[in-house]
């Protein structure tokens, strides 16, 4: 491989890494720490049975007060053949309206919070504000549990250009050392 091809590969790869890092993890300094922001949705669990899902859906669209117009006939999210998609839309609306707490995305253990966008086709699911440092940010904060992470000590690494400069230099040497 010629030197110019290696250099072009290095430049392209470095650019992709830098762009991806800023697109997928948006880090902001916050009182000496780093806040990692992401969008969240409340969706029906894949392993939830249809009967409990239907009961939770009926409650969310009734006494729960979720806006279920988009999942009714003629709406962009209407799909009478897929209770998971239908329930997910109602669960997510309720979750957003009720402060994005753990309790607002339980539905008798048939729902869970995800960072994967459940939107499909013309059916667009509204997203939460964000998650930061292991807790939801919104009108009510709730701990995300044992899977949460505290990034407060990472500001010296992610918050500076030095981290990315070192990664780029390392890649440069790796690419040019390969024959």
N, C-alpha and C. Protein backbone atom coordinates (compact mmCIF):
# COMPACT_ATOMS: atom_id res chain seq x y z
N UNK A 1 0.86 -1.17 0.00
CA UNK A 1 0.00 0.00 0.00
C UNK A 1 0.90 1.23 0.00
N UNK A 2 0.64 2.16 -0.91
CA UNK A 2 1.49 3.34 -1.01
C UNK A 2 1.26 4.29 0.15
N UNK A 3 2.23 5.17 0.34
CA UNK A 3 2.17 6.13 1.43
C UNK A 3 0.97 7.06 1.29
N UNK A 4 0.65 7.47 0.08
CA UNK A 4 -0.48 8.40 -0.12
C UNK A 4 -1.82 7.71 0.18
N UNK A 5 -1.93 6.42 -0.14
CA UNK A 5 -3.15 5.68 0.17
C UNK A 5 -3.29 5.52 1.68
N UNK A 6 -2.18 5.22 2.37
CA UNK A 6 -2.20 5.11 3.82
C UNK A 6 -2.60 6.44 4.46
N UNK A 7 -2.04 7.51 3.94
CA UNK A 7 -2.35 8.83 4.50
C UNK A 7 -3.82 9.18 4.27
N UNK A 8 -4.36 8.89 3.10
CA UNK A 8 -5.77 9.16 2.80
C UNK A 8 -6.66 8.33 3.72
N UNK A 9 -6.30 7.07 3.92
CA UNK A 9 -7.06 6.21 4.82
C UNK A 9 -7.03 6.77 6.23
N UNK A 10 -5.84 7.17 6.69
CA UNK A 10 -5.69 7.73 8.03
C UNK A 10 -6.56 8.98 8.21
N UNK A 11 -6.52 9.88 7.24
CA UNK A 11 -7.31 11.12 7.34
C UNK A 11 -8.80 10.82 7.37
N UNK A 12 -9.25 9.92 6.53
CA UNK A 12 -10.67 9.56 6.50
C UNK A 12 -11.09 8.91 7.80
N UNK A 13 -10.28 7.97 8.28
CA UNK A 13 -10.60 7.25 9.51
C UNK A 13 -10.62 8.19 10.71
N UNK A 14 -9.63 9.06 10.79
CA UNK A 14 -9.57 10.03 11.89
C UNK A 14 -10.78 10.95 11.88
N UNK A 15 -11.15 11.41 10.71
CA UNK A 15 -12.31 12.28 10.59
C UNK A 15 -13.58 11.57 11.03
N UNK A 16 -13.73 10.31 10.62
CA UNK A 16 -14.91 9.54 11.04
C UNK A 16 -14.97 9.36 12.55
N UNK A 17 -13.84 9.06 13.16
CA UNK A 17 -13.81 8.86 14.62
C UNK A 17 -14.19 10.15 15.34
N UNK A 18 -13.62 11.24 14.91
CA UNK A 18 -13.92 12.51 15.57
C UNK A 18 -15.39 12.89 15.38
N UNK A 19 -15.90 12.73 14.18
CA UNK A 19 -17.31 13.07 13.93
C UNK A 19 -18.23 12.16 14.73
N UNK A 20 -17.94 10.88 14.75
CA UNK A 20 -18.79 9.94 15.48
C UNK A 20 -18.78 10.25 16.96
N UNK A 21 -17.64 10.59 17.49
CA UNK A 21 -17.57 10.88 18.92
C UNK A 21 -18.42 12.08 19.29
N UNK A 22 -18.48 13.07 18.43
CA UNK A 22 -19.27 14.25 18.74
C UNK A 22 -20.74 14.06 18.41
N UNK A 23 -21.08 13.16 17.50
CA UNK A 23 -22.47 12.91 17.17
C UNK A 23 -23.14 11.98 18.18
N UNK A 24 -22.44 10.91 18.59
CA UNK A 24 -23.06 9.92 19.43
C UNK A 24 -22.96 10.22 20.93
N UNK A 25 -21.92 10.88 21.34
CA UNK A 25 -21.79 11.24 22.75
C UNK A 25 -21.56 12.74 22.81
N UNK A 26 -22.57 13.45 23.21
CA UNK A 26 -22.48 14.90 23.31
C UNK A 26 -22.10 15.22 24.74
N UNK A 27 -20.85 15.58 24.93
CA UNK A 27 -20.36 15.85 26.28
C UNK A 27 -20.32 17.35 26.52
N UNK A 28 -20.81 17.74 27.68
CA UNK A 28 -20.81 19.13 28.07
C UNK A 28 -20.24 19.23 29.47
N UNK A 29 -19.48 20.28 29.75
CA UNK A 29 -18.99 20.47 31.11
C UNK A 29 -20.14 20.96 31.97
N UNK A 30 -20.23 20.40 33.17
CA UNK A 30 -21.31 20.75 34.08
C UNK A 30 -20.78 20.69 35.51
N UNK A 31 -20.47 21.84 36.08
CA UNK A 31 -19.97 21.91 37.45
C UNK A 31 -18.78 20.97 37.67
N UNK A 32 -17.82 21.01 36.77
CA UNK A 32 -16.62 20.19 36.93
C UNK A 32 -16.77 18.77 36.44
N UNK A 33 -17.92 18.38 35.92
CA UNK A 33 -18.14 17.03 35.42
C UNK A 33 -18.55 17.04 33.97
N UNK A 34 -18.81 15.88 33.45
CA UNK A 34 -19.27 15.76 32.08
C UNK A 34 -20.67 15.19 32.10
N UNK A 35 -21.55 15.77 31.31
CA UNK A 35 -22.91 15.29 31.20
C UNK A 35 -23.03 14.59 29.85
N UNK A 36 -23.41 13.33 29.88
CA UNK A 36 -23.60 12.57 28.65
C UNK A 36 -25.09 12.56 28.37
N UNK A 37 -25.47 13.11 27.23
CA UNK A 37 -26.88 13.25 26.91
C UNK A 37 -27.30 12.24 25.85
N UNK A 38 -28.48 11.70 26.03
CA UNK A 38 -29.06 10.79 25.05
C UNK A 38 -30.57 10.88 25.14
N UNK A 39 -31.24 10.50 24.10
CA UNK A 39 -32.70 10.50 24.13
C UNK A 39 -33.20 9.16 24.65
N UNK A 40 -34.35 9.20 25.33
CA UNK A 40 -34.92 7.99 25.91
C UNK A 40 -36.37 7.81 25.50
N UNK A 41 -36.79 6.55 25.41
CA UNK A 41 -38.16 6.19 25.11
C UNK A 41 -38.59 5.08 26.06
N UNK A 42 -39.87 5.00 26.33
CA UNK A 42 -40.44 3.90 27.11
C UNK A 42 -41.17 3.00 26.13
N UNK A 43 -40.81 1.73 26.08
CA UNK A 43 -41.40 0.81 25.12
C UNK A 43 -41.82 -0.49 25.79
N UNK A 44 -42.70 -1.21 25.13
CA UNK A 44 -43.13 -2.52 25.61
C UNK A 44 -41.96 -3.49 25.52
N UNK A 45 -41.83 -4.34 26.54
CA UNK A 45 -40.77 -5.34 26.53
C UNK A 45 -41.06 -6.39 25.47
N UNK A 46 -40.01 -6.88 24.83
CA UNK A 46 -40.15 -7.90 23.79
C UNK A 46 -40.76 -9.19 24.32
N UNK A 47 -40.50 -9.51 25.58
CA UNK A 47 -40.98 -10.77 26.14
C UNK A 47 -42.31 -10.64 26.87
N UNK A 48 -42.92 -9.45 26.82
CA UNK A 48 -44.22 -9.27 27.49
C UNK A 48 -45.31 -10.00 26.72
N UNK A 49 -46.20 -10.66 27.45
CA UNK A 49 -47.30 -11.38 26.80
C UNK A 49 -48.39 -10.41 26.37
N UNK A 50 -49.16 -10.83 25.37
CA UNK A 50 -50.18 -9.95 24.79
C UNK A 50 -51.27 -9.51 25.77
N UNK A 51 -51.75 -10.41 26.61
CA UNK A 51 -52.85 -10.06 27.54
C UNK A 51 -52.44 -8.96 28.53
N UNK A 52 -51.29 -9.09 29.22
CA UNK A 52 -50.88 -8.00 30.11
C UNK A 52 -50.58 -6.70 29.35
N UNK A 53 -50.04 -6.82 28.14
CA UNK A 53 -49.78 -5.63 27.33
C UNK A 53 -51.10 -4.92 27.00
N UNK A 54 -52.11 -5.69 26.63
CA UNK A 54 -53.41 -5.10 26.30
C UNK A 54 -54.02 -4.42 27.51
N UNK A 55 -53.91 -5.04 28.68
CA UNK A 55 -54.43 -4.43 29.90
C UNK A 55 -53.71 -3.11 30.20
N UNK A 56 -52.39 -3.12 30.07
CA UNK A 56 -51.61 -1.91 30.33
C UNK A 56 -51.92 -0.83 29.29
N UNK A 57 -52.10 -1.24 28.04
CA UNK A 57 -52.46 -0.31 26.98
C UNK A 57 -53.82 0.32 27.25
N UNK A 58 -54.80 -0.50 27.64
CA UNK A 58 -56.13 0.02 27.96
C UNK A 58 -56.07 1.02 29.10
N UNK A 59 -55.25 0.73 30.12
CA UNK A 59 -55.14 1.65 31.25
C UNK A 59 -54.45 2.95 30.82
N UNK A 60 -53.35 2.83 30.04
CA UNK A 60 -52.61 4.02 29.61
C UNK A 60 -53.49 4.94 28.78
N UNK A 61 -54.29 4.38 27.89
CA UNK A 61 -55.15 5.18 27.01
C UNK A 61 -56.43 5.63 27.71
N UNK A 62 -56.75 5.03 28.83
CA UNK A 62 -57.94 5.41 29.59
C UNK A 62 -57.57 6.26 30.78
N UNK A 63 -57.61 5.66 31.99
CA UNK A 63 -57.31 6.42 33.21
C UNK A 63 -55.91 7.04 33.23
N UNK A 64 -54.95 6.45 32.51
CA UNK A 64 -53.58 6.98 32.49
C UNK A 64 -53.45 8.31 31.77
N UNK A 65 -54.34 8.58 30.85
CA UNK A 65 -54.34 9.87 30.15
C UNK A 65 -53.35 10.01 29.01
N UNK A 66 -52.83 8.91 28.49
CA UNK A 66 -51.91 8.99 27.35
C UNK A 66 -52.68 9.42 26.11
N UNK A 67 -52.01 10.14 25.22
CA UNK A 67 -52.61 10.54 23.95
C UNK A 67 -52.50 9.36 22.99
N UNK A 68 -53.62 8.70 22.76
CA UNK A 68 -53.61 7.49 21.94
C UNK A 68 -54.20 7.72 20.54
N UNK A 69 -54.41 8.95 20.16
CA UNK A 69 -54.96 9.23 18.82
C UNK A 69 -54.06 8.68 17.71
N UNK A 70 -52.73 8.81 17.80
CA UNK A 70 -51.88 8.28 16.72
C UNK A 70 -51.96 6.76 16.54
N UNK A 71 -52.39 6.02 17.58
CA UNK A 71 -52.46 4.55 17.45
C UNK A 71 -53.87 4.07 17.15
N UNK A 72 -54.80 5.01 16.98
CA UNK A 72 -56.16 4.65 16.60
C UNK A 72 -56.28 4.61 15.08
N UNK A 73 -57.29 3.95 14.60
CA UNK A 73 -57.49 3.78 13.16
C UNK A 73 -57.38 5.13 12.45
N UNK A 74 -56.59 5.16 11.39
CA UNK A 74 -56.36 6.38 10.62
C UNK A 74 -55.14 7.15 11.09
N UNK A 75 -54.60 6.81 12.27
CA UNK A 75 -53.42 7.49 12.81
C UNK A 75 -52.14 6.93 12.21
N UNK A 76 -51.05 7.68 12.27
CA UNK A 76 -49.78 7.24 11.66
C UNK A 76 -49.16 6.02 12.35
N UNK A 77 -49.58 5.72 13.57
CA UNK A 77 -49.01 4.58 14.31
C UNK A 77 -50.01 3.45 14.49
N UNK A 78 -51.10 3.50 13.74
CA UNK A 78 -52.12 2.45 13.84
C UNK A 78 -51.61 1.17 13.22
N UNK A 79 -51.56 0.10 14.02
CA UNK A 79 -51.16 -1.22 13.55
C UNK A 79 -51.86 -2.26 14.43
N UNK A 80 -53.05 -2.69 14.01
CA UNK A 80 -53.81 -3.63 14.84
C UNK A 80 -53.17 -5.01 14.94
N UNK A 81 -52.15 -5.28 14.15
CA UNK A 81 -51.51 -6.59 14.17
C UNK A 81 -50.31 -6.67 15.11
N UNK A 82 -49.89 -5.52 15.67
CA UNK A 82 -48.69 -5.52 16.51
C UNK A 82 -48.95 -4.79 17.82
N UNK A 83 -49.31 -5.56 18.85
CA UNK A 83 -49.62 -4.99 20.16
C UNK A 83 -48.38 -4.34 20.78
N UNK A 84 -47.19 -4.84 20.48
CA UNK A 84 -45.96 -4.27 21.04
C UNK A 84 -45.76 -2.83 20.56
N UNK A 85 -45.90 -2.61 19.27
CA UNK A 85 -45.74 -1.26 18.72
C UNK A 85 -46.83 -0.33 19.25
N UNK A 86 -48.04 -0.82 19.28
CA UNK A 86 -49.17 -0.01 19.73
C UNK A 86 -49.00 0.37 21.20
N UNK A 87 -48.70 -0.62 22.04
CA UNK A 87 -48.52 -0.35 23.46
C UNK A 87 -47.31 0.57 23.68
N UNK A 88 -46.26 0.36 22.92
CA UNK A 88 -45.06 1.18 23.08
C UNK A 88 -45.37 2.66 22.88
N UNK A 89 -46.18 2.98 21.89
CA UNK A 89 -46.50 4.38 21.65
C UNK A 89 -47.24 4.98 22.85
N UNK A 90 -48.22 4.27 23.36
CA UNK A 90 -48.99 4.75 24.51
C UNK A 90 -48.11 4.84 25.75
N UNK A 91 -47.28 3.83 25.98
CA UNK A 91 -46.39 3.82 27.15
C UNK A 91 -45.45 5.03 27.09
N UNK A 92 -44.90 5.29 25.92
CA UNK A 92 -43.96 6.39 25.76
C UNK A 92 -44.64 7.74 26.02
N UNK A 93 -45.84 7.91 25.52
CA UNK A 93 -46.55 9.17 25.75
C UNK A 93 -46.80 9.38 27.24
N UNK A 94 -47.23 8.34 27.92
CA UNK A 94 -47.47 8.41 29.36
C UNK A 94 -46.16 8.73 30.10
N UNK A 95 -45.09 8.05 29.73
CA UNK A 95 -43.76 8.24 30.33
C UNK A 95 -43.32 9.70 30.23
N UNK A 96 -43.48 10.30 29.06
CA UNK A 96 -43.09 11.68 28.86
C UNK A 96 -43.96 12.64 29.67
N UNK A 97 -45.25 12.36 29.74
CA UNK A 97 -46.17 13.24 30.46
C UNK A 97 -46.01 13.15 31.98
N UNK A 98 -45.56 12.02 32.48
CA UNK A 98 -45.50 11.79 33.92
C UNK A 98 -44.10 11.95 34.51
N UNK A 99 -43.23 12.65 33.83
CA UNK A 99 -41.96 13.01 34.42
C UNK A 99 -40.82 12.04 34.24
N UNK A 100 -40.96 11.06 33.39
CA UNK A 100 -39.88 10.12 33.04
C UNK A 100 -39.27 9.45 34.27
N UNK A 101 -40.10 8.98 35.17
CA UNK A 101 -39.63 8.27 36.35
C UNK A 101 -39.65 6.77 36.08
N UNK A 102 -39.00 6.01 36.95
CA UNK A 102 -39.04 4.55 36.82
C UNK A 102 -40.48 4.04 36.85
N UNK A 103 -41.28 4.59 37.75
CA UNK A 103 -42.68 4.16 37.89
C UNK A 103 -43.51 4.50 36.65
N UNK A 104 -43.14 5.55 35.92
CA UNK A 104 -43.94 5.93 34.76
C UNK A 104 -43.61 5.09 33.53
N UNK A 105 -42.68 4.15 33.67
CA UNK A 105 -42.38 3.22 32.58
C UNK A 105 -42.29 1.80 33.12
N UNK A 106 -43.31 1.40 33.85
CA UNK A 106 -43.34 0.04 34.38
C UNK A 106 -44.46 -0.76 33.76
N UNK A 107 -45.69 -0.24 33.91
CA UNK A 107 -46.88 -0.90 33.36
C UNK A 107 -46.90 -2.38 33.73
N UNK A 108 -46.85 -2.62 35.04
CA UNK A 108 -46.83 -3.98 35.58
C UNK A 108 -45.72 -4.82 34.98
N UNK A 109 -44.55 -4.20 34.84
CA UNK A 109 -43.34 -4.86 34.34
C UNK A 109 -43.46 -5.32 32.88
N UNK A 110 -44.25 -4.62 32.10
CA UNK A 110 -44.36 -4.94 30.67
C UNK A 110 -43.62 -3.93 29.81
N UNK A 111 -42.99 -2.91 30.43
CA UNK A 111 -42.31 -1.85 29.68
C UNK A 111 -40.92 -1.59 30.26
N UNK A 112 -40.08 -0.97 29.45
CA UNK A 112 -38.72 -0.62 29.87
C UNK A 112 -38.26 0.62 29.12
N UNK A 113 -37.30 1.32 29.70
CA UNK A 113 -36.71 2.50 29.06
C UNK A 113 -35.61 2.04 28.11
N UNK A 114 -35.54 2.68 26.95
CA UNK A 114 -34.51 2.36 25.97
C UNK A 114 -33.96 3.64 25.36
N UNK A 115 -32.75 3.54 24.82
CA UNK A 115 -32.17 4.67 24.08
C UNK A 115 -32.24 4.40 22.57
N UNK A 116 -32.85 3.28 22.18
CA UNK A 116 -33.04 2.96 20.76
C UNK A 116 -34.37 3.53 20.30
N UNK A 117 -34.33 4.35 19.28
CA UNK A 117 -35.53 5.00 18.78
C UNK A 117 -36.51 3.97 18.22
N UNK A 118 -37.72 3.87 18.79
CA UNK A 118 -38.69 2.88 18.32
C UNK A 118 -39.53 3.35 17.13
N UNK A 119 -39.28 4.54 16.63
CA UNK A 119 -40.06 5.06 15.49
C UNK A 119 -39.92 4.14 14.29
N UNK A 120 -40.96 4.09 13.49
CA UNK A 120 -40.95 3.26 12.28
C UNK A 120 -41.87 3.90 11.25
N UNK A 121 -41.49 3.80 9.99
CA UNK A 121 -42.31 4.38 8.92
C UNK A 121 -42.71 5.82 9.22
N UNK A 122 -44.02 6.09 9.15
CA UNK A 122 -44.54 7.43 9.44
C UNK A 122 -44.82 7.62 10.92
N UNK A 123 -44.61 6.60 11.72
CA UNK A 123 -44.88 6.67 13.15
C UNK A 123 -43.64 7.16 13.88
N UNK A 124 -43.69 8.40 14.32
CA UNK A 124 -42.56 9.01 15.02
C UNK A 124 -42.86 9.11 16.51
N UNK A 125 -42.03 8.49 17.32
CA UNK A 125 -42.17 8.53 18.78
C UNK A 125 -41.47 9.77 19.31
N UNK A 126 -42.16 10.61 20.08
CA UNK A 126 -41.46 11.73 20.71
C UNK A 126 -40.43 11.19 21.70
N UNK A 127 -39.32 11.89 21.86
CA UNK A 127 -38.26 11.45 22.76
C UNK A 127 -38.26 12.27 24.03
N UNK A 128 -37.63 11.71 25.06
CA UNK A 128 -37.46 12.43 26.31
C UNK A 128 -36.46 13.55 26.12
N UNK A 129 -36.33 14.37 27.13
CA UNK A 129 -35.35 15.46 27.10
C UNK A 129 -33.94 14.89 27.00
N UNK A 130 -33.53 14.13 27.99
CA UNK A 130 -32.20 13.52 27.95
C UNK A 130 -31.96 12.71 29.21
N UNK A 131 -30.87 12.01 29.21
CA UNK A 131 -30.40 11.35 30.43
C UNK A 131 -29.02 11.90 30.71
N UNK A 132 -28.70 12.11 31.96
CA UNK A 132 -27.38 12.64 32.26
C UNK A 132 -26.86 12.07 33.56
N UNK A 133 -25.60 11.63 33.53
CA UNK A 133 -24.94 11.09 34.72
C UNK A 133 -25.78 10.06 35.45
N UNK A 134 -26.49 9.21 34.73
CA UNK A 134 -27.22 8.11 35.35
C UNK A 134 -28.59 8.47 35.85
N UNK A 135 -29.10 9.66 35.55
CA UNK A 135 -30.45 10.00 35.97
C UNK A 135 -31.15 10.74 34.86
N UNK A 136 -32.46 10.65 34.86
CA UNK A 136 -33.25 11.36 33.87
C UNK A 136 -33.25 12.83 34.19
N UNK A 137 -33.21 13.67 33.15
CA UNK A 137 -33.40 15.09 33.41
C UNK A 137 -34.75 15.48 32.84
N UNK A 138 -35.50 16.15 33.60
CA UNK A 138 -36.85 16.55 33.25
C UNK A 138 -37.48 17.10 34.49
N UNK A 139 -38.79 17.01 34.58
CA UNK A 139 -39.44 17.57 35.76
C UNK A 139 -39.18 16.75 37.01
N UNK A 140 -38.90 15.45 36.86
CA UNK A 140 -38.60 14.59 38.00
C UNK A 140 -37.39 13.76 37.66
N UNK A 141 -36.40 13.73 38.53
CA UNK A 141 -35.21 12.91 38.29
C UNK A 141 -35.39 11.56 38.95
N UNK A 142 -34.93 10.51 38.27
CA UNK A 142 -35.03 9.16 38.82
C UNK A 142 -33.76 8.40 38.49
N UNK A 143 -33.23 7.66 39.43
CA UNK A 143 -32.03 6.88 39.23
C UNK A 143 -32.33 5.77 38.23
N UNK A 144 -31.40 5.53 37.29
CA UNK A 144 -31.61 4.50 36.28
C UNK A 144 -31.23 3.12 36.81
N UNK A 145 -30.75 3.00 38.01
CA UNK A 145 -30.47 1.69 38.58
C UNK A 145 -29.03 1.27 38.44
N UNK A 146 -28.80 -0.02 38.51
CA UNK A 146 -27.44 -0.54 38.54
C UNK A 146 -26.70 -0.38 37.22
N UNK A 147 -27.41 -0.11 36.12
CA UNK A 147 -26.75 0.06 34.84
C UNK A 147 -26.30 1.49 34.60
N UNK A 148 -26.52 2.38 35.57
CA UNK A 148 -26.14 3.77 35.39
C UNK A 148 -24.64 3.92 35.61
N UNK A 149 -24.10 5.01 35.11
CA UNK A 149 -22.68 5.28 35.26
C UNK A 149 -22.49 6.74 35.64
N UNK A 150 -21.48 6.99 36.45
CA UNK A 150 -21.17 8.35 36.85
C UNK A 150 -19.96 8.79 36.04
N UNK A 151 -20.17 9.78 35.18
CA UNK A 151 -19.11 10.28 34.33
C UNK A 151 -18.50 11.56 34.87
N UNK A 152 -18.74 11.89 36.12
CA UNK A 152 -18.32 13.17 36.66
C UNK A 152 -16.81 13.34 36.68
N UNK A 153 -16.05 12.27 36.71
CA UNK A 153 -14.60 12.40 36.72
C UNK A 153 -13.97 12.38 35.36
N UNK A 154 -14.74 12.34 34.31
CA UNK A 154 -14.21 12.20 32.96
C UNK A 154 -13.95 13.53 32.26
N UNK A 155 -14.20 14.65 32.90
CA UNK A 155 -14.05 15.92 32.21
C UNK A 155 -12.61 16.18 31.79
N UNK A 156 -11.63 15.62 32.49
CA UNK A 156 -10.24 15.83 32.11
C UNK A 156 -9.88 15.05 30.85
N UNK A 157 -10.66 14.02 30.52
CA UNK A 157 -10.37 13.22 29.33
C UNK A 157 -11.29 13.64 28.18
N UNK A 158 -12.59 13.45 28.34
CA UNK A 158 -13.52 13.71 27.26
C UNK A 158 -13.73 15.19 27.00
N UNK A 159 -13.54 16.02 28.01
CA UNK A 159 -13.79 17.44 27.85
C UNK A 159 -12.66 18.19 27.19
N UNK A 160 -11.58 17.53 26.86
CA UNK A 160 -10.45 18.22 26.25
C UNK A 160 -10.12 17.61 24.90
N UNK A 161 -9.40 18.37 24.13
CA UNK A 161 -8.97 17.90 22.81
C UNK A 161 -7.78 16.95 22.93
N UNK A 162 -7.11 16.95 24.10
CA UNK A 162 -5.93 16.11 24.27
C UNK A 162 -6.24 14.64 24.09
N UNK A 163 -7.36 14.19 24.58
CA UNK A 163 -7.74 12.79 24.44
C UNK A 163 -7.82 12.40 22.97
N UNK A 164 -8.50 13.21 22.18
CA UNK A 164 -8.69 12.89 20.77
C UNK A 164 -7.39 13.06 19.99
N UNK A 165 -6.55 13.99 20.39
CA UNK A 165 -5.26 14.16 19.75
C UNK A 165 -4.40 12.92 19.97
N UNK A 166 -4.39 12.38 21.19
CA UNK A 166 -3.62 11.18 21.47
C UNK A 166 -4.14 9.99 20.68
N UNK A 167 -5.46 9.85 20.59
CA UNK A 167 -6.05 8.76 19.79
C UNK A 167 -5.61 8.88 18.33
N UNK A 168 -5.67 10.09 17.79
CA UNK A 168 -5.31 10.32 16.39
C UNK A 168 -3.84 10.01 16.15
N UNK A 169 -2.97 10.48 17.02
CA UNK A 169 -1.54 10.21 16.87
C UNK A 169 -1.27 8.71 16.94
N UNK A 170 -1.92 8.04 17.88
CA UNK A 170 -1.75 6.58 17.99
C UNK A 170 -2.17 5.89 16.69
N UNK A 171 -3.32 6.26 16.16
CA UNK A 171 -3.78 5.66 14.91
C UNK A 171 -2.81 5.95 13.77
N UNK A 172 -2.28 7.15 13.74
CA UNK A 172 -1.31 7.53 12.72
C UNK A 172 -0.13 6.56 12.74
N UNK A 173 0.45 6.32 13.94
CA UNK A 173 1.58 5.43 14.04
C UNK A 173 1.21 3.99 13.74
N UNK A 174 0.06 3.55 14.13
CA UNK A 174 -0.37 2.18 13.85
C UNK A 174 -0.50 1.97 12.35
N UNK A 175 -1.14 2.91 11.67
CA UNK A 175 -1.36 2.77 10.23
C UNK A 175 -0.05 2.79 9.47
N UNK A 176 0.86 3.69 9.83
CA UNK A 176 2.11 3.80 9.09
C UNK A 176 3.15 2.75 9.48
N UNK A 177 2.95 2.02 10.57
CA UNK A 177 3.86 0.95 10.95
C UNK A 177 3.52 -0.35 10.22
N UNK A 178 2.27 -0.49 9.73
CA UNK A 178 1.85 -1.69 9.02
C UNK A 178 2.41 -1.65 7.61
N UNK A 179 3.07 -2.73 7.19
CA UNK A 179 3.66 -2.76 5.84
C UNK A 179 2.73 -3.38 4.85
